[in-house]
Amino acid sequence: MKADRLHSLSALIENKVFSVHGGLSPAILTLDQIRTIDRKQEVPHDGAMCELLWSDPEETVDGWGLSPRGAGYLFGGSVLTAFNHSNNIDYICRAHQLVMEGYKWMFNNQIVTVWSAPNYCYRCGNVAAILELDENLNKQFRVFDAAPQESRGAPAKKPAPDYFL
């Protein structure tokens, strides 16, 4: 496998902000367990690597639930609180879910979803955001719209698969 195919599964910022694409895994209770995952493989259909990439927080779930995506899990506030407390982190920053406002805090600011693709698939009408942290971990969200149609290239002719929405 080429080295350019290896990507980080997560990042820990100043030991206080856990950044991950998707969410949590029932197989991962500590941040140290993430370091033991073999990244030199295709993403499996289940297991910790898959779940870090595909899981989503859900306010109507208590504990763990089945994900409608067919991969990963849904997790609720009790799971999130336990993970953040056990790992002594302030919050989790993740992506993976469209939020119309560009970013969305959940579970009393224990997790934030930051979505950075404006007007997703050229049809969702959402804004996008990035999160900037300064040296003291002060947060600033920068929210932006899609570029005007006349200043960007034409979208691909084939429609995006439904599973991206």
N, C-alpha and C. Protein backbone atom coordinates (compact mmCIF):
# COMPACT_ATOMS: atom_id res chain seq x y z
N MET A 1 0.84 -1.17 0.00
CA MET A 1 0.00 0.00 0.00
C MET A 1 0.89 1.24 0.00
N LYS A 2 0.56 2.19 -0.80
CA LYS A 2 1.33 3.42 -0.88
C LYS A 2 1.13 4.27 0.37
N ALA A 3 2.16 4.99 0.74
CA ALA A 3 2.09 5.84 1.93
C ALA A 3 1.04 6.93 1.80
N ASP A 4 0.78 7.38 0.56
CA ASP A 4 -0.20 8.46 0.41
C ASP A 4 -1.62 7.98 0.67
N ARG A 5 -1.82 6.70 0.86
CA ARG A 5 -3.14 6.18 1.19
C ARG A 5 -3.37 6.10 2.69
N LEU A 6 -2.35 6.38 3.47
CA LEU A 6 -2.48 6.34 4.92
C LEU A 6 -2.89 7.71 5.42
N HIS A 7 -4.01 7.76 6.08
CA HIS A 7 -4.50 9.01 6.64
C HIS A 7 -4.74 8.82 8.13
N SER A 8 -4.68 9.88 8.85
CA SER A 8 -4.96 9.82 10.28
C SER A 8 -6.42 9.43 10.49
N LEU A 9 -6.65 8.64 11.51
CA LEU A 9 -8.03 8.33 11.89
C LEU A 9 -8.58 9.40 12.81
N SER A 10 -7.70 10.07 13.52
CA SER A 10 -8.14 11.09 14.46
C SER A 10 -6.95 11.96 14.83
N ALA A 11 -7.23 12.99 15.59
CA ALA A 11 -6.16 13.86 16.09
C ALA A 11 -6.56 14.34 17.48
N LEU A 12 -5.58 14.59 18.30
CA LEU A 12 -5.80 15.14 19.63
C LEU A 12 -5.09 16.49 19.68
N ILE A 13 -5.87 17.53 19.88
CA ILE A 13 -5.34 18.89 19.85
C ILE A 13 -5.12 19.36 21.29
N GLU A 14 -3.86 19.61 21.61
CA GLU A 14 -3.46 20.09 22.94
C GLU A 14 -4.06 19.24 24.07
N ASN A 15 -4.23 17.97 23.82
CA ASN A 15 -4.77 17.01 24.81
C ASN A 15 -6.17 17.35 25.29
N LYS A 16 -6.89 18.21 24.57
CA LYS A 16 -8.21 18.64 25.02
C LYS A 16 -9.31 18.52 23.98
N VAL A 17 -8.97 18.53 22.71
CA VAL A 17 -9.98 18.46 21.65
C VAL A 17 -9.68 17.23 20.80
N PHE A 18 -10.63 16.31 20.77
CA PHE A 18 -10.49 15.10 19.98
C PHE A 18 -11.17 15.33 18.64
N SER A 19 -10.43 15.19 17.57
CA SER A 19 -10.95 15.40 16.22
C SER A 19 -11.02 14.06 15.50
N VAL A 20 -12.17 13.77 14.91
CA VAL A 20 -12.40 12.50 14.23
C VAL A 20 -13.39 12.74 13.11
N HIS A 21 -13.32 11.96 12.05
CA HIS A 21 -14.23 12.16 10.93
C HIS A 21 -15.67 11.87 11.31
N GLY A 22 -15.92 10.70 11.86
CA GLY A 22 -17.29 10.28 12.14
C GLY A 22 -17.67 10.44 13.59
N GLY A 23 -17.27 9.49 14.40
CA GLY A 23 -17.67 9.53 15.80
C GLY A 23 -16.98 8.47 16.61
N LEU A 24 -17.71 7.93 17.57
CA LEU A 24 -17.14 6.99 18.52
C LEU A 24 -17.42 5.55 18.13
N SER A 25 -16.71 4.65 18.80
CA SER A 25 -16.84 3.21 18.59
C SER A 25 -17.02 2.53 19.94
N PRO A 26 -17.93 1.56 20.03
CA PRO A 26 -18.04 0.83 21.30
C PRO A 26 -16.78 0.03 21.63
N ALA A 27 -15.91 -0.19 20.65
CA ALA A 27 -14.66 -0.92 20.86
C ALA A 27 -13.54 -0.02 21.37
N ILE A 28 -13.75 1.29 21.36
CA ILE A 28 -12.72 2.25 21.76
C ILE A 28 -13.19 3.00 22.99
N LEU A 29 -12.55 2.74 24.11
CA LEU A 29 -12.88 3.45 25.34
C LEU A 29 -11.85 4.53 25.67
N THR A 30 -10.62 4.33 25.17
CA THR A 30 -9.56 5.30 25.45
C THR A 30 -8.89 5.73 24.14
N LEU A 31 -8.33 6.90 24.16
CA LEU A 31 -7.62 7.40 22.99
C LEU A 31 -6.42 6.52 22.65
N ASP A 32 -5.78 5.94 23.65
CA ASP A 32 -4.64 5.06 23.39
C ASP A 32 -5.03 3.86 22.54
N GLN A 33 -6.26 3.40 22.64
CA GLN A 33 -6.69 2.25 21.84
C GLN A 33 -6.70 2.59 20.35
N ILE A 34 -6.91 3.83 20.01
CA ILE A 34 -6.92 4.22 18.59
C ILE A 34 -5.54 4.02 17.97
N ARG A 35 -4.51 4.26 18.75
CA ARG A 35 -3.14 4.10 18.24
C ARG A 35 -2.82 2.67 17.85
N THR A 36 -3.56 1.71 18.37
CA THR A 36 -3.28 0.30 18.08
C THR A 36 -3.98 -0.20 16.81
N ILE A 37 -4.83 0.61 16.21
CA ILE A 37 -5.54 0.19 15.00
C ILE A 37 -4.57 0.13 13.83
N ASP A 38 -4.61 -0.96 13.10
CA ASP A 38 -3.78 -1.11 11.90
C ASP A 38 -4.41 -0.29 10.77
N ARG A 39 -3.77 0.81 10.42
CA ARG A 39 -4.30 1.67 9.36
C ARG A 39 -3.87 1.23 7.97
N LYS A 40 -2.99 0.26 7.88
CA LYS A 40 -2.48 -0.18 6.58
C LYS A 40 -3.42 -1.20 5.96
N GLN A 41 -4.66 -0.82 5.77
CA GLN A 41 -5.67 -1.69 5.20
C GLN A 41 -6.80 -0.84 4.63
N GLU A 42 -7.59 -1.45 3.79
CA GLU A 42 -8.81 -0.79 3.35
C GLU A 42 -9.73 -0.66 4.56
N VAL A 43 -10.61 0.32 4.55
CA VAL A 43 -11.53 0.47 5.67
C VAL A 43 -12.45 -0.75 5.70
N PRO A 44 -12.45 -1.48 6.82
CA PRO A 44 -13.32 -2.65 6.91
C PRO A 44 -14.79 -2.26 7.05
N HIS A 45 -15.67 -3.24 6.89
CA HIS A 45 -17.11 -2.99 6.97
C HIS A 45 -17.61 -2.89 8.41
N ASP A 46 -16.79 -3.28 9.35
CA ASP A 46 -17.16 -3.14 10.75
C ASP A 46 -15.88 -3.04 11.58
N GLY A 47 -16.04 -2.86 12.86
CA GLY A 47 -14.88 -2.72 13.74
C GLY A 47 -14.53 -1.26 14.00
N ALA A 48 -13.53 -1.07 14.84
CA ALA A 48 -13.20 0.26 15.35
C ALA A 48 -12.86 1.26 14.26
N MET A 49 -12.06 0.88 13.26
CA MET A 49 -11.71 1.83 12.20
C MET A 49 -12.97 2.30 11.47
N CYS A 50 -13.79 1.38 11.09
CA CYS A 50 -15.04 1.71 10.40
C CYS A 50 -15.90 2.63 11.26
N GLU A 51 -16.01 2.31 12.53
CA GLU A 51 -16.89 3.06 13.42
C GLU A 51 -16.40 4.48 13.67
N LEU A 52 -15.09 4.68 13.75
CA LEU A 52 -14.57 6.04 13.90
C LEU A 52 -14.90 6.90 12.68
N LEU A 53 -15.00 6.27 11.53
CA LEU A 53 -15.29 6.99 10.29
C LEU A 53 -16.78 7.16 10.03
N TRP A 54 -17.62 6.26 10.52
CA TRP A 54 -19.03 6.23 10.13
C TRP A 54 -20.04 6.53 11.23
N SER A 55 -19.66 6.49 12.49
CA SER A 55 -20.63 6.68 13.57
C SER A 55 -21.07 8.13 13.68
N ASP A 56 -22.29 8.31 14.21
CA ASP A 56 -22.89 9.64 14.34
C ASP A 56 -23.52 9.83 15.72
N PRO A 57 -23.44 11.04 16.28
CA PRO A 57 -24.18 11.33 17.50
C PRO A 57 -25.67 11.47 17.17
N GLU A 58 -26.50 11.07 18.11
CA GLU A 58 -27.95 11.16 17.89
C GLU A 58 -28.64 11.48 19.22
N GLU A 59 -29.36 12.59 19.25
CA GLU A 59 -29.98 13.05 20.49
C GLU A 59 -31.10 12.14 20.98
N THR A 60 -31.69 11.35 20.12
CA THR A 60 -32.80 10.47 20.53
C THR A 60 -32.32 9.09 20.98
N VAL A 61 -31.02 8.86 20.97
CA VAL A 61 -30.47 7.55 21.34
C VAL A 61 -29.85 7.65 22.73
N ASP A 62 -30.13 6.65 23.56
CA ASP A 62 -29.47 6.54 24.86
C ASP A 62 -28.53 5.36 24.77
N GLY A 63 -27.25 5.59 24.89
CA GLY A 63 -26.28 4.52 24.71
C GLY A 63 -25.90 4.38 23.25
N TRP A 64 -25.92 3.14 22.75
CA TRP A 64 -25.56 2.85 21.37
C TRP A 64 -26.80 2.41 20.61
N GLY A 65 -26.86 2.77 19.33
CA GLY A 65 -27.96 2.34 18.48
C GLY A 65 -27.45 1.97 17.10
N LEU A 66 -28.29 1.28 16.34
CA LEU A 66 -27.92 0.90 14.98
C LEU A 66 -27.96 2.13 14.08
N SER A 67 -26.99 2.24 13.21
CA SER A 67 -26.93 3.36 12.28
C SER A 67 -27.72 3.04 11.02
N PRO A 68 -28.53 3.97 10.56
CA PRO A 68 -29.23 3.76 9.29
C PRO A 68 -28.29 3.77 8.09
N ARG A 69 -27.05 4.18 8.29
CA ARG A 69 -26.07 4.19 7.19
C ARG A 69 -25.63 2.78 6.81
N GLY A 70 -25.83 1.82 7.70
CA GLY A 70 -25.37 0.46 7.44
C GLY A 70 -23.94 0.23 7.89
N ALA A 71 -23.31 1.22 8.46
CA ALA A 71 -21.95 1.11 9.01
C ALA A 71 -21.86 2.05 10.20
N GLY A 72 -21.04 1.69 11.16
CA GLY A 72 -20.91 2.50 12.35
C GLY A 72 -22.13 2.37 13.25
N TYR A 73 -22.21 3.26 14.23
CA TYR A 73 -23.29 3.26 15.20
C TYR A 73 -23.82 4.67 15.39
N LEU A 74 -24.98 4.77 16.00
CA LEU A 74 -25.46 6.01 16.57
C LEU A 74 -25.09 5.97 18.05
N PHE A 75 -24.71 7.10 18.61
CA PHE A 75 -24.38 7.13 20.03
C PHE A 75 -25.02 8.34 20.68
N GLY A 76 -25.40 8.16 21.94
CA GLY A 76 -26.09 9.21 22.67
C GLY A 76 -25.20 9.93 23.66
N GLY A 77 -25.83 10.82 24.41
CA GLY A 77 -25.11 11.68 25.33
C GLY A 77 -24.38 10.96 26.44
N SER A 78 -24.94 9.86 26.94
CA SER A 78 -24.26 9.15 28.03
C SER A 78 -22.94 8.55 27.55
N VAL A 79 -22.92 8.03 26.32
CA VAL A 79 -21.69 7.49 25.74
C VAL A 79 -20.66 8.61 25.59
N LEU A 80 -21.11 9.72 25.08
CA LEU A 80 -20.23 10.87 24.84
C LEU A 80 -19.65 11.41 26.15
N THR A 81 -20.50 11.57 27.15
CA THR A 81 -20.04 12.08 28.44
C THR A 81 -18.99 11.16 29.05
N ALA A 82 -19.23 9.85 29.00
CA ALA A 82 -18.28 8.88 29.55
C ALA A 82 -16.95 8.93 28.80
N PHE A 83 -17.00 8.98 27.47
CA PHE A 83 -15.77 9.02 26.68
C PHE A 83 -14.98 10.29 26.97
N ASN A 84 -15.63 11.43 26.93
CA ASN A 84 -14.93 12.69 27.17
C ASN A 84 -14.32 12.72 28.58
N HIS A 85 -15.08 12.25 29.56
CA HIS A 85 -14.58 12.24 30.94
C HIS A 85 -13.39 11.28 31.09
N SER A 86 -13.53 10.07 30.58
CA SER A 86 -12.47 9.06 30.69
C SER A 86 -11.17 9.52 30.04
N ASN A 87 -11.28 10.29 28.98
CA ASN A 87 -10.10 10.72 28.23
C ASN A 87 -9.68 12.15 28.55
N ASN A 88 -10.37 12.77 29.51
CA ASN A 88 -10.04 14.13 29.96
C ASN A 88 -9.97 15.12 28.80
N ILE A 89 -10.98 15.04 27.93
CA ILE A 89 -11.05 15.99 26.81
C ILE A 89 -12.25 16.92 27.01
N ASP A 90 -12.16 18.10 26.41
CA ASP A 90 -13.23 19.08 26.54
C ASP A 90 -14.40 18.78 25.61
N TYR A 91 -14.08 18.42 24.37
CA TYR A 91 -15.13 18.12 23.40
C TYR A 91 -14.55 17.38 22.21
N ILE A 92 -15.45 16.87 21.39
CA ILE A 92 -15.09 16.19 20.15
C ILE A 92 -15.49 17.09 18.99
N CYS A 93 -14.61 17.20 18.02
CA CYS A 93 -14.89 17.93 16.78
C CYS A 93 -14.91 16.89 15.66
N ARG A 94 -16.00 16.86 14.90
CA ARG A 94 -16.16 15.86 13.85
C ARG A 94 -16.83 16.47 12.64
N ALA A 95 -16.96 15.69 11.58
CA ALA A 95 -17.59 16.15 10.34
C ALA A 95 -18.67 15.15 9.98
N HIS A 96 -18.68 14.64 8.79
CA HIS A 96 -19.44 13.46 8.36
C HIS A 96 -20.95 13.61 8.26
N GLN A 97 -21.53 14.68 8.77
CA GLN A 97 -22.98 14.86 8.67
C GLN A 97 -23.27 16.28 8.22
N LEU A 98 -24.11 16.38 7.22
CA LEU A 98 -24.55 17.69 6.75
C LEU A 98 -25.28 18.42 7.87
N VAL A 99 -24.86 19.64 8.14
CA VAL A 99 -25.61 20.54 9.02
C VAL A 99 -25.82 21.83 8.24
N MET A 100 -27.05 22.25 8.15
CA MET A 100 -27.41 23.38 7.30
C MET A 100 -26.72 24.68 7.72
N GLU A 101 -26.42 24.82 9.02
CA GLU A 101 -25.82 26.04 9.56
C GLU A 101 -24.30 26.04 9.47
N GLY A 102 -23.70 24.98 8.92
CA GLY A 102 -22.25 24.89 8.83
C GLY A 102 -21.62 24.18 10.01
N TYR A 103 -22.12 24.42 11.20
CA TYR A 103 -21.67 23.70 12.39
C TYR A 103 -22.82 23.56 13.36
N LYS A 104 -22.72 22.54 14.22
CA LYS A 104 -23.79 22.29 15.18
C LYS A 104 -23.22 21.65 16.44
N TRP A 105 -23.47 22.29 17.57
CA TRP A 105 -23.11 21.73 18.87
C TRP A 105 -24.21 20.80 19.35
N MET A 106 -23.83 19.74 20.03
CA MET A 106 -24.80 18.81 20.60
C MET A 106 -24.37 18.42 22.01
N PHE A 107 -25.32 17.91 22.76
CA PHE A 107 -25.05 17.37 24.10
C PHE A 107 -24.27 18.35 24.97
N ASN A 108 -24.85 19.53 25.15
CA ASN A 108 -24.24 20.54 26.02
C ASN A 108 -22.79 20.84 25.66
N ASN A 109 -22.57 21.05 24.37
CA ASN A 109 -21.24 21.42 23.85
C ASN A 109 -20.17 20.36 24.08
N GLN A 110 -20.57 19.10 24.12
CA GLN A 110 -19.60 18.02 24.24
C GLN A 110 -19.11 17.53 22.88
N ILE A 111 -19.83 17.89 21.82
CA ILE A 111 -19.44 17.48 20.47
C ILE A 111 -19.94 18.53 19.48
N VAL A 112 -19.12 18.81 18.48
CA VAL A 112 -19.52 19.75 17.44
C VAL A 112 -19.28 19.08 16.08
N THR A 113 -20.27 19.21 15.22
CA THR A 113 -20.13 18.77 13.83
C THR A 113 -19.82 20.00 13.00
N VAL A 114 -18.74 19.94 12.24
CA VAL A 114 -18.34 21.04 11.36
C VAL A 114 -18.40 20.52 9.93
N TRP A 115 -19.26 21.15 9.12
CA TRP A 115 -19.48 20.72 7.74
C TRP A 115 -18.87 21.77 6.82
N SER A 116 -17.92 21.36 5.98
CA SER A 116 -17.16 22.34 5.20
C SER A 116 -17.45 22.33 3.70
N ALA A 117 -18.58 21.76 3.29
CA ALA A 117 -18.94 21.74 1.87
C ALA A 117 -20.21 22.56 1.67
N PRO A 118 -20.08 23.82 1.21
CA PRO A 118 -21.28 24.64 1.01
C PRO A 118 -22.11 24.14 -0.16
N ASN A 119 -23.42 24.30 -0.03
CA ASN A 119 -24.37 23.86 -1.06
C ASN A 119 -24.02 22.45 -1.54
N TYR A 120 -23.99 21.54 -0.59
CA TYR A 120 -23.55 20.16 -0.83
C TYR A 120 -24.27 19.55 -2.02
N CYS A 121 -23.49 18.92 -2.88
CA CYS A 121 -23.99 18.28 -4.12
C CYS A 121 -24.74 19.27 -5.01
N TYR A 122 -24.41 20.54 -4.88
CA TYR A 122 -25.01 21.62 -5.70
C TYR A 122 -26.52 21.71 -5.52
N ARG A 123 -27.04 21.21 -4.40
CA ARG A 123 -28.50 21.24 -4.25
C ARG A 123 -29.01 21.38 -2.83
N CYS A 124 -28.14 21.29 -1.83
CA CYS A 124 -28.65 21.28 -0.46
C CYS A 124 -28.90 22.67 0.12
N GLY A 125 -28.26 23.69 -0.43
CA GLY A 125 -28.51 25.06 0.03
C GLY A 125 -27.91 25.38 1.39
N ASN A 126 -27.01 24.54 1.88
CA ASN A 126 -26.41 24.76 3.19
C ASN A 126 -25.22 25.71 3.10
N VAL A 127 -24.91 26.35 4.23
CA VAL A 127 -23.65 27.06 4.35
C VAL A 127 -22.62 26.07 4.89
N ALA A 128 -21.38 26.48 4.91
CA ALA A 128 -20.31 25.63 5.41
C ALA A 128 -19.54 26.39 6.49
N ALA A 129 -18.69 25.67 7.19
CA ALA A 129 -17.91 26.31 8.25
C ALA A 129 -16.56 25.63 8.41
N ILE A 130 -15.65 26.38 8.98
CA ILE A 130 -14.41 25.81 9.50
C ILE A 130 -14.27 26.31 10.93
N LEU A 131 -13.59 25.54 11.73
CA LEU A 131 -13.34 25.91 13.12
C LEU A 131 -11.86 26.25 13.26
N GLU A 132 -11.60 27.45 13.76
CA GLU A 132 -10.23 27.86 14.05
C GLU A 132 -10.04 27.89 15.56
N LEU A 133 -8.92 27.32 16.00
CA LEU A 133 -8.55 27.35 17.41
C LEU A 133 -7.26 28.15 17.55
N ASP A 134 -7.23 29.06 18.51
CA ASP A 134 -5.98 29.79 18.73
C ASP A 134 -5.11 29.01 19.72
N GLU A 135 -3.99 29.60 20.12
CA GLU A 135 -3.05 28.90 21.00
C GLU A 135 -3.64 28.57 22.37
N ASN A 136 -4.72 29.25 22.75
CA ASN A 136 -5.40 28.97 24.02
C ASN A 136 -6.66 28.14 23.83
N LEU A 137 -6.83 27.60 22.63
CA LEU A 137 -7.99 26.79 22.24
C LEU A 137 -9.30 27.58 22.23
N ASN A 138 -9.19 28.91 22.14
CA ASN A 138 -10.39 29.71 21.93
C ASN A 138 -10.91 29.40 20.53
N LYS A 139 -12.22 29.28 20.42
CA LYS A 139 -12.85 28.85 19.17
C LYS A 139 -13.37 30.04 18.36
N GLN A 140 -13.21 29.94 17.05
CA GLN A 140 -13.86 30.87 16.14
C GLN A 140 -14.33 30.07 14.93
N PHE A 141 -15.64 30.11 14.70
CA PHE A 141 -16.19 29.45 13.52
C PHE A 141 -16.25 30.47 12.39
N ARG A 142 -15.80 30.08 11.23
CA ARG A 142 -15.92 30.91 10.04
C ARG A 142 -16.92 30.22 9.13
N VAL A 143 -18.03 30.90 8.91
CA VAL A 143 -19.14 30.35 8.12
C VAL A 143 -19.12 31.01 6.76
N PHE A 144 -19.34 30.22 5.71
CA PHE A 144 -19.29 30.77 4.36
C PHE A 144 -20.30 30.08 3.45
N ASP A 145 -20.68 30.81 2.41
CA ASP A 145 -21.59 30.31 1.38
C ASP A 145 -20.79 29.70 0.24
N ALA A 146 -21.50 29.02 -0.63
CA ALA A 146 -20.87 28.50 -1.85
C ALA A 146 -20.47 29.67 -2.75
N ALA A 147 -19.47 29.44 -3.57
CA ALA A 147 -19.08 30.46 -4.55
C ALA A 147 -20.23 30.66 -5.53
N PRO A 148 -20.39 31.86 -6.05
CA PRO A 148 -21.45 32.09 -7.04
C PRO A 148 -21.27 31.17 -8.25
N GLN A 149 -22.37 30.77 -8.84
CA GLN A 149 -22.35 29.84 -9.96
C GLN A 149 -21.40 30.29 -11.07
N GLU A 150 -21.37 31.57 -11.36
CA GLU A 150 -20.56 32.06 -12.47
C GLU A 150 -19.05 31.99 -12.19
N SER A 151 -18.67 31.80 -10.95
CA SER A 151 -17.24 31.77 -10.63
C SER A 151 -16.70 30.36 -10.34
N ARG A 152 -17.50 29.35 -10.60
CA ARG A 152 -17.03 27.98 -10.37
C ARG A 152 -17.30 27.12 -11.59
N GLY A 153 -16.62 26.02 -11.65
CA GLY A 153 -16.81 25.09 -12.76
C GLY A 153 -18.16 24.40 -12.70
N ALA A 154 -18.53 23.80 -13.79
CA ALA A 154 -19.80 23.08 -13.85
C ALA A 154 -19.72 21.81 -13.02
N PRO A 155 -20.81 21.42 -12.38
CA PRO A 155 -20.81 20.17 -11.62
C PRO A 155 -20.70 18.97 -12.55
N ALA A 156 -20.30 17.85 -11.99
CA ALA A 156 -20.22 16.62 -12.77
C ALA A 156 -21.59 16.29 -13.36
N LYS A 157 -21.59 15.69 -14.52
CA LYS A 157 -22.85 15.41 -15.20
C LYS A 157 -23.63 14.28 -14.54
N LYS A 158 -22.95 13.34 -13.90
CA LYS A 158 -23.68 12.25 -13.27
C LYS A 158 -24.13 12.66 -11.87
N PRO A 159 -25.31 12.25 -11.44
CA PRO A 159 -25.79 12.63 -10.11
C PRO A 159 -25.00 11.92 -9.02
N ALA A 160 -24.92 12.57 -7.87
CA ALA A 160 -24.22 11.98 -6.73
C ALA A 160 -25.06 10.83 -6.18
N PRO A 161 -24.42 9.79 -5.68
CA PRO A 161 -25.16 8.68 -5.08
C PRO A 161 -25.98 9.15 -3.88
N ASP A 162 -27.13 8.57 -3.67
CA ASP A 162 -28.01 8.97 -2.57
C ASP A 162 -27.38 8.79 -1.20
N TYR A 163 -26.44 7.86 -1.06
CA TYR A 163 -25.88 7.62 0.27
C TYR A 163 -25.00 8.75 0.75
N PHE A 164 -24.69 9.74 -0.07
CA PHE A 164 -23.92 10.89 0.38
C PHE A 164 -24.80 11.95 1.04
N LEU A 165 -26.09 11.81 0.99
CA LEU A 165 -26.97 12.81 1.59
C LEU A 165 -27.46 12.39 2.93
